[in-house]
Amino acid sequence: MCTTTGSMRRERSRVQSHRVVADNMIRPANTGVEAYARAIRAKPGISSVMLPVGSGLEISRLATQGE
C-alpha cells in the first residue's frame, strides 16, 4: 500500500456528507416539486443536481467539516 493512498483514505474518512435523493422531479410536475427544488437549492452548504433519469432524480449533498 502506498503511504499517499493511505493518508488520502484517512483524510477522506474525516469528512462527512449527508445526501438526499428525491424522485419524480420531472414528472409529474407540480408546484410542490418546484417549491422543493427551490428550497433545497437555497440552503447554504448544499449542492444539488437534477438528473434526467426516469421521472427525474434530484441528488442533494450537505458537506460538513469545512468542505
C-alpha atoms as a PDB file:
ATOM      1  CA  MET A   1       0.000   0.000   0.000  1.00  0.00           C
ATOM      2  CA  CYS A   2       1.298   3.414  -0.938  1.00  0.00           C
ATOM      3  CA  THR A   3       1.519   5.829   2.008  1.00  0.00           C
ATOM      4  CA  THR A   4      -0.035   8.586  -0.098  1.00  0.00           C
ATOM      5  CA  THR A   5      -3.072   6.414  -0.801  1.00  0.00           C
ATOM      6  CA  GLY A   6      -3.352   5.517   2.875  1.00  0.00           C
ATOM      7  CA  SER A   7      -3.192   9.143   4.002  1.00  0.00           C
ATOM      8  CA  MET A   8      -5.748  10.170   1.364  1.00  0.00           C
ATOM      9  CA  ARG A   9      -8.118   7.480   2.656  1.00  0.00           C
ATOM     10  CA  ARG A  10      -7.708   8.685   6.233  1.00  0.00           C
ATOM     11  CA  GLU A  11      -8.297  12.310   5.169  1.00  0.00           C
ATOM     12  CA  ARG A  12     -11.481  11.426   3.287  1.00  0.00           C
ATOM     13  CA  SER A  13     -12.832   9.468   6.255  1.00  0.00           C
ATOM     14  CA  ARG A  14     -12.811  12.636   8.398  1.00  0.00           C
ATOM     15  CA  VAL A  15     -15.206  14.486   6.097  1.00  0.00           C
ATOM     16  CA  GLN A  16     -18.828  13.514   6.490  1.00  0.00           C
ATOM     17  CA  SER A  17     -21.507  14.301   3.980  1.00  0.00           C
ATOM     18  CA  HIS A  18     -25.237  13.799   4.035  1.00  0.00           C
ATOM     19  CA  ARG A  19     -27.259  13.047   0.924  1.00  0.00           C
ATOM     20  CA  VAL A  20     -30.916  13.274  -0.025  1.00  0.00           C
ATOM     21  CA  VAL A  21     -32.328  11.779  -3.217  1.00  0.00           C
ATOM     22  CA  ALA A  22     -35.763  12.898  -4.410  1.00  0.00           C
ATOM     23  CA  ASP A  23     -37.656  11.048  -7.146  1.00  0.00           C
ATOM     24  CA  ASN A  24     -40.302  12.286  -9.625  1.00  0.00           C
ATOM     25  CA  MET A  25     -38.688  15.698 -10.086  1.00  0.00           C
ATOM     26  CA  ILE A  26     -39.647  15.936 -13.782  1.00  0.00           C
ATOM     27  CA  ARG A  27     -42.931  14.014 -13.909  1.00  0.00           C
ATOM     28  CA  PRO A  28     -45.444  14.576 -12.504  1.00  0.00           C
ATOM     29  CA  ALA A  29     -44.641  18.282 -12.491  1.00  0.00           C
ATOM     30  CA  ASN A  30     -46.437  20.289  -9.817  1.00  0.00           C
ATOM     31  CA  THR A  31     -45.878  23.296  -7.594  1.00  0.00           C
ATOM     32  CA  GLY A  32     -44.761  21.142  -4.640  1.00  0.00           C
ATOM     33  CA  VAL A  33     -41.907  19.673  -6.662  1.00  0.00           C
ATOM     34  CA  GLU A  34     -40.848  23.122  -7.873  1.00  0.00           C
ATOM     35  CA  ALA A  35     -41.007  24.529  -4.327  1.00  0.00           C
ATOM     36  CA  TYR A  36     -38.894  21.634  -3.015  1.00  0.00           C
ATOM     37  CA  ALA A  37     -36.225  22.155  -5.688  1.00  0.00           C
ATOM     38  CA  ARG A  38     -36.050  25.901  -4.948  1.00  0.00           C
ATOM     39  CA  ALA A  39     -35.933  25.355  -1.177  1.00  0.00           C
ATOM     40  CA  ILE A  40     -33.218  22.684  -1.211  1.00  0.00           C
ATOM     41  CA  ARG A  41     -31.026  24.673  -3.595  1.00  0.00           C
ATOM     42  CA  ALA A  42     -31.386  27.810  -1.443  1.00  0.00           C
ATOM     43  CA  LYS A  43     -29.964  26.102   1.652  1.00  0.00           C
ATOM     44  CA  PRO A  44     -26.386  27.164   2.431  1.00  0.00           C
ATOM     45  CA  GLY A  45     -23.805  24.405   2.118  1.00  0.00           C
ATOM     46  CA  ILE A  46     -25.962  22.187  -0.094  1.00  0.00           C
ATOM     47  CA  SER A  47     -25.021  21.257  -3.622  1.00  0.00           C
ATOM     48  CA  SER A  48     -27.779  19.760  -5.734  1.00  0.00           C
ATOM     49  CA  VAL A  49     -28.139  18.367  -9.225  1.00  0.00           C
ATOM     50  CA  MET A  50     -31.175  17.096 -11.126  1.00  0.00           C
ATOM     51  CA  LEU A  51     -30.565  14.029 -13.267  1.00  0.00           C
ATOM     52  CA  PRO A  52     -32.961  13.218 -16.125  1.00  0.00           C
ATOM     53  CA  VAL A  53     -33.191   9.548 -15.143  1.00  0.00           C
ATOM     54  CA  GLY A  54     -36.664   8.015 -15.187  1.00  0.00           C
ATOM     55  CA  SER A  55     -39.011  10.652 -13.790  1.00  0.00           C
ATOM     56  CA  GLY A  56     -36.083  12.786 -12.635  1.00  0.00           C
ATOM     57  CA  LEU A  57     -33.784  12.418  -9.632  1.00  0.00           C
ATOM     58  CA  GLU A  58     -32.655  15.384  -7.542  1.00  0.00           C
ATOM     59  CA  ILE A  59     -29.485  14.461  -5.649  1.00  0.00           C
ATOM     60  CA  SER A  60     -28.537  16.888  -2.901  1.00  0.00           C
ATOM     61  CA  ARG A  61     -25.473  16.786  -0.668  1.00  0.00           C
ATOM     62  CA  LEU A  62     -24.611  18.668   2.505  1.00  0.00           C
ATOM     63  CA  ALA A  63     -20.904  18.608   3.268  1.00  0.00           C
ATOM     64  CA  THR A  64     -19.620  19.208   6.778  1.00  0.00           C
ATOM     65  CA  GLN A  65     -16.269  19.987   8.396  1.00  0.00           C
ATOM     66  CA  GLY A  66     -15.316  22.813   6.052  1.00  0.00           C
ATOM     67  CA  GLU A  67     -15.892  21.040   2.760  1.00  0.00           C
END
